[in-house]
Protein backbone atom coordinates (compact mmCIF):
# COMPACT_ATOMS: atom_id res chain seq x y z
CA MET A 1 0.00 0.00 0.00
CA LYS A 2 2.80 2.36 0.97
CA ARG A 3 4.58 1.51 -2.29
CA ARG A 4 1.44 2.30 -4.27
CA ILE A 5 1.06 5.64 -2.50
CA TRP A 6 4.72 6.44 -3.17
CA ILE A 7 4.34 5.67 -6.89
CA LEU A 8 1.22 7.81 -7.18
CA GLY A 9 3.01 10.62 -5.38
CA ALA A 10 5.99 10.37 -7.72
CA VAL A 11 3.73 10.46 -10.79
CA ALA A 12 1.96 13.52 -9.44
CA ALA A 13 5.27 15.24 -8.77
CA ILE A 14 6.49 14.51 -12.29
CA ALA A 15 3.20 15.79 -13.78
CA ALA A 16 3.44 18.95 -11.71
CA SER A 17 7.03 19.42 -12.85
CA VAL A 18 6.08 18.98 -16.52
CA LEU A 19 3.15 21.38 -16.10
CA SER A 20 5.44 23.89 -14.45
CA ILE A 21 7.94 23.67 -17.30
CA GLY A 22 5.12 24.02 -19.83
CA CYS A 23 3.81 27.14 -18.11
CA THR A 24 7.30 28.61 -18.01
CA ASN A 25 7.76 27.99 -21.73
CA ASP A 26 4.38 29.59 -22.47
CA ALA A 27 5.30 32.61 -20.39
CA ASN A 28 8.60 33.01 -22.22
CA ARG A 29 7.13 32.45 -25.67
CA ALA A 30 6.89 35.70 -27.66
CA GLN A 31 3.51 36.96 -28.75
CA VAL A 32 3.20 37.00 -32.53
CA LEU A 33 1.82 40.08 -34.29
CA LYS A 34 1.11 39.82 -38.02
CA VAL A 35 1.06 43.11 -39.92
CA GLY A 36 0.41 43.39 -43.66
CA ALA A 37 2.32 46.02 -45.63
CA THR A 38 3.46 47.03 -49.09
CA PRO A 39 7.24 46.69 -49.55
CA ALA A 40 8.34 50.35 -49.56
CA PRO A 41 8.28 52.31 -47.42
CA HIS A 42 5.85 50.46 -45.15
CA ALA A 43 7.60 47.11 -44.74
CA GLU A 44 10.93 48.92 -44.47
CA ILE A 45 9.61 51.04 -41.61
CA LEU A 46 8.14 47.97 -39.90
CA LYS A 47 11.61 46.40 -39.90
CA VAL A 48 12.70 49.31 -37.70
CA VAL A 49 9.69 48.67 -35.45
CA ALA A 50 10.43 44.94 -35.05
CA PRO A 51 13.32 45.22 -32.54
CA LEU A 52 11.36 47.78 -30.52
CA LEU A 53 8.46 45.33 -30.15
CA ALA A 54 10.87 42.49 -29.42
CA LYS A 55 11.84 44.30 -26.21
CA ASP A 56 8.21 43.82 -25.09
CA GLY A 57 8.24 40.14 -26.00
CA ILE A 58 6.40 40.62 -29.28
CA GLU A 59 7.53 38.94 -32.51
CA LEU A 60 6.53 41.09 -35.47
CA LYS A 61 5.79 39.15 -38.65
CA ILE A 62 5.62 41.38 -41.71
CA ILE A 63 3.35 40.03 -44.46
CA GLU A 64 4.07 41.81 -47.74
CA PHE A 65 1.39 42.64 -50.29
CA THR A 66 1.82 44.28 -53.69
CA ASP A 67 -1.65 45.71 -54.20
CA TYR A 68 -4.18 47.94 -52.43
CA VAL A 69 -7.00 45.40 -52.02
CA GLN A 70 -5.74 42.22 -50.38
CA PRO A 71 -4.28 43.83 -47.21
CA ASN A 72 -7.71 45.07 -46.10
CA LEU A 73 -9.46 41.83 -47.04
CA ALA A 74 -6.85 39.82 -45.14
CA LEU A 75 -7.34 42.05 -42.11
CA ALA A 76 -11.12 41.71 -42.23
CA ASP A 77 -10.75 37.91 -42.56
CA ARG A 78 -8.46 37.81 -39.48
CA GLU A 79 -5.50 36.52 -41.47
CA ILE A 80 -3.44 39.40 -40.09
CA ASP A 81 -3.74 41.60 -36.99
CA ALA A 82 -3.18 44.99 -38.62
CA ASN A 83 -2.07 46.54 -41.88
CA TYR A 84 0.05 49.50 -42.86
CA PHE A 85 -0.11 50.53 -46.52
CA GLN A 86 -2.90 53.05 -47.08
CA HIS A 87 -3.94 56.61 -46.35
CA ALA A 88 -7.01 57.50 -44.31
CA PRO A 89 -9.31 58.56 -47.20
CA TYR A 90 -8.62 55.26 -48.98
CA LEU A 91 -9.54 53.28 -45.87
CA GLU A 92 -12.77 55.24 -45.48
CA ARG A 93 -13.75 54.64 -49.11
CA PHE A 94 -12.74 50.96 -49.09
CA THR A 95 -14.66 50.09 -45.92
CA LYS A 96 -17.74 51.89 -47.22
CA ASP A 97 -17.65 50.19 -50.62
CA ARG A 98 -16.84 46.72 -49.27
CA LYS A 99 -19.03 47.02 -46.16
CA ILE A 100 -16.31 45.86 -43.78
CA LYS A 101 -15.45 47.30 -40.37
CA LEU A 102 -11.87 48.54 -40.09
CA ASP A 103 -10.54 51.52 -38.13
CA ARG A 104 -7.39 53.63 -38.12
CA LEU A 105 -5.10 52.83 -35.20
CA VAL A 106 -2.50 55.56 -35.59
CA ASP A 107 -1.18 58.11 -38.12
CA VAL A 108 2.38 57.39 -39.24
CA HIS A 109 3.60 59.27 -42.31
CA VAL A 110 2.65 61.31 -45.36
CA GLU A 111 3.72 60.20 -48.84
CA THR A 112 4.09 62.51 -51.79
CA MET A 113 2.20 61.66 -54.96
CA GLY A 114 4.11 62.83 -58.02
CA ILE A 115 3.91 63.22 -61.79
CA TYR A 116 6.67 61.26 -63.57
CA SER A 117 7.83 60.89 -67.16
CA THR A 118 10.55 59.12 -69.10
CA LYS A 119 9.72 61.10 -72.27
CA HIS A 120 9.66 64.67 -70.94
CA VAL A 121 12.03 66.60 -68.69
CA SER A 122 9.52 69.25 -67.59
CA LEU A 123 5.87 70.27 -67.76
CA GLN A 124 6.58 73.48 -69.65
CA LYS A 125 5.58 72.15 -73.06
CA VAL A 126 3.05 69.37 -72.63
CA LYS A 127 2.09 68.23 -76.13
CA ASN A 128 -1.46 68.05 -77.45
CA GLY A 129 -3.05 64.65 -76.91
CA ALA A 130 -0.57 63.62 -74.22
CA VAL A 131 -1.49 60.40 -72.41
CA VAL A 132 -1.46 60.43 -68.61
CA VAL A 133 -1.96 57.26 -66.57
CA ILE A 134 -3.32 57.45 -63.03
CA PRO A 135 -4.44 54.96 -60.32
CA ASN A 136 -7.81 53.34 -60.95
CA ASP A 137 -9.13 53.22 -57.38
CA LYS A 138 -11.59 56.03 -56.66
CA THR A 139 -9.69 57.77 -53.86
CA ASN A 140 -6.30 57.90 -55.56
CA ALA A 141 -7.84 58.67 -58.94
CA LEU A 142 -9.48 61.75 -57.43
CA ARG A 143 -6.20 62.68 -55.78
CA ALA A 144 -4.33 62.30 -59.08
CA MET A 145 -6.87 64.37 -61.01
CA LYS A 146 -6.57 67.21 -58.50
CA LEU A 147 -2.78 67.05 -58.79
CA LEU A 148 -2.98 67.24 -62.59
CA GLU A 149 -5.28 70.25 -62.33
CA THR A 150 -2.81 71.94 -59.97
CA ALA A 151 -0.07 71.25 -62.53
CA ASN A 152 -2.21 72.99 -65.21
CA PHE A 153 -2.95 69.95 -67.37
CA PHE A 154 -6.65 70.86 -67.41
CA LYS A 155 -9.42 72.29 -65.26
CA LEU A 156 -11.96 70.30 -63.28
CA GLY A 157 -15.59 70.99 -62.52
CA GLY A 158 -18.67 69.23 -61.29
CA ASP A 159 -19.08 67.40 -58.00
CA ALA A 160 -16.09 67.47 -55.64
CA GLU A 161 -16.16 63.69 -55.21
CA ASN A 162 -16.74 62.97 -58.90
CA PRO A 163 -15.10 65.78 -60.87
CA ILE A 164 -15.05 65.97 -64.64
CA ILE A 165 -12.69 67.75 -66.97
CA VAL A 166 -14.39 70.96 -68.10
CA ASP A 167 -11.49 72.71 -69.82
CA ASN A 168 -8.94 70.64 -71.72
CA PRO A 169 -7.29 72.80 -74.41
CA LYS A 170 -4.49 70.28 -75.01
CA TRP A 171 -6.84 67.30 -75.28
CA ILE A 172 -5.06 65.43 -72.51
CA ARG A 173 -6.07 61.75 -72.37
CA VAL A 174 -6.35 60.24 -68.88
CA GLU A 175 -6.18 56.45 -68.56
CA LYS A 176 -6.65 54.49 -65.34
CA VAL A 177 -4.66 51.38 -64.39
CA ASP A 178 -3.96 49.40 -61.24
CA ALA A 179 -1.78 51.55 -58.99
CA GLU A 180 0.91 48.89 -58.60
CA THR A 181 1.42 48.76 -62.40
CA LEU A 182 2.05 52.49 -62.84
CA PRO A 183 5.88 52.28 -62.68
CA ARG A 184 5.81 49.54 -65.32
CA VAL A 185 3.58 51.45 -67.75
CA LEU A 186 5.45 54.72 -67.22
CA LYS A 187 7.49 54.21 -70.39
CA GLU A 188 4.37 53.66 -72.49
CA ALA A 189 2.64 56.92 -71.50
CA ASP A 190 3.71 60.54 -71.61
CA PHE A 191 3.18 60.97 -67.88
CA ALA A 192 2.22 58.82 -64.91
CA VAL A 193 0.87 59.92 -61.54
CA ILE A 194 2.37 57.49 -59.05
CA ASN A 195 1.90 56.98 -55.32
CA ALA A 196 5.15 57.30 -53.40
CA ASN A 197 5.18 53.72 -52.11
CA PHE A 198 5.12 52.23 -55.62
CA ALA A 199 7.52 54.91 -56.86
CA LEU A 200 10.02 54.06 -54.12
CA SER A 201 9.69 50.33 -54.83
CA ALA A 202 10.58 51.07 -58.47
CA GLY A 203 13.63 53.13 -57.51
CA LEU A 204 11.98 56.51 -58.05
CA ASN A 205 12.28 59.28 -55.48
CA PRO A 206 9.50 61.90 -55.54
CA THR A 207 11.81 64.72 -54.48
CA LYS A 208 14.37 63.92 -57.19
CA ASP A 209 12.59 62.20 -60.07
CA ALA A 210 9.07 63.64 -60.15
CA LEU A 211 8.37 66.62 -62.40
CA PHE A 212 5.64 67.86 -60.07
CA VAL A 213 4.63 66.80 -56.55
CA GLU A 214 1.89 67.45 -54.02
CA GLN A 215 2.32 70.21 -51.49
CA HIS A 216 0.88 69.88 -47.96
CA SER A 217 -0.82 66.56 -48.65
CA PRO A 218 -3.72 65.60 -46.34
CA TYR A 219 -3.30 61.93 -47.26
CA VAL A 220 -1.67 60.59 -44.10
CA ASN A 221 -0.70 56.91 -44.12
CA ILE A 222 -2.07 54.93 -41.20
CA VAL A 223 -2.02 51.62 -39.41
CA ALA A 224 -5.45 49.99 -39.66
CA VAL A 225 -7.04 47.36 -37.41
CA ARG A 226 -10.39 45.65 -37.12
CA ALA A 227 -13.06 47.85 -35.55
CA GLY A 228 -13.25 47.27 -31.80
CA ASP A 229 -9.89 45.49 -31.58
CA ASN A 230 -8.35 47.19 -28.55
CA ARG A 231 -5.74 44.62 -27.59
CA GLU A 232 -2.69 45.77 -25.68
CA ILE A 233 -0.41 44.31 -28.35
CA LEU A 234 -1.87 46.80 -30.84
CA ARG A 235 -1.38 49.70 -28.44
CA LYS A 236 2.27 48.66 -28.20
CA LEU A 237 2.47 48.62 -32.00
CA ALA A 238 1.07 52.16 -32.13
CA LYS A 239 3.62 53.34 -29.58
CA ALA A 240 6.56 51.66 -31.34
CA ILE A 241 5.70 52.88 -34.85
CA THR A 242 5.48 56.49 -33.63
CA SER A 243 8.69 56.31 -31.60
CA PRO A 244 11.67 58.67 -31.92
CA GLU A 245 13.62 55.83 -33.55
CA VAL A 246 11.09 55.52 -36.36
CA LYS A 247 10.87 59.29 -36.86
CA ALA A 248 14.65 59.50 -37.18
CA TYR A 249 14.67 56.64 -39.68
CA ILE A 250 12.02 58.26 -41.88
CA LEU A 251 13.77 61.63 -41.88
CA GLU A 252 17.22 60.20 -42.61
CA HIS A 253 16.38 57.35 -44.96
CA TYR A 254 13.80 58.92 -47.30
CA ALA A 255 15.26 62.40 -47.59
CA GLY A 256 11.95 64.18 -47.91
CA ALA A 257 10.17 61.61 -50.10
CA ILE A 258 7.95 60.89 -47.13
CA SER A 259 7.61 62.72 -43.82
CA PRO A 260 6.52 61.68 -40.30
CA ALA A 261 2.95 62.51 -39.27
CA PHE A 262 3.72 62.36 -35.54
């Protein structure tokens, strides 16, 4: 009987020891945070954030996307915890059109949209019938049209959200394509209006290579999360991505192509 009691006691002690080790391993295991991003500058900036989160026991996994649709769908489907690729007006339009519930977590930086060309060195003598390619999503198309009007390609009229060209003396032709393809079709058109993230990924710098750029852009790039997701891990992400280390990186690395919004 005593032997049986001793054996049962030993088994219990071993089980308790194993459970204790398991709990210790769980406590030491890093939390995993999956954030979707386009390659430049968003994923590059997140690589600066990663070691800051690691200090809090958080492993940042950066999931790269090359378009403007899948990151929000992946977030809504809970495939990722947050995304960082878009500006606030785009998020507002996308969630309204797709009827999904996403919110902005924090403002991070402002990117400069620019007008580029491989066929022209300035906008002084834009030829009649010139072809300009712009993004085909509603928000960035509107943004591009306003930029072209500011650069004196034509004049817009009509509704502010759905403007039309009302004065086009040079018969400028505007064609819309997927935003990620703009750097590739640049050589085929006279001009292309390209978002800074895709320009940077293609080796173009808005401050050096664009013929005309936005001034005082309201299109701040944000981190987005699912509506109502208030987890502490996301608050730590917001703090890390708006840290002095990230601000210094943006200012030094991009030389004015993008600027901090914090």
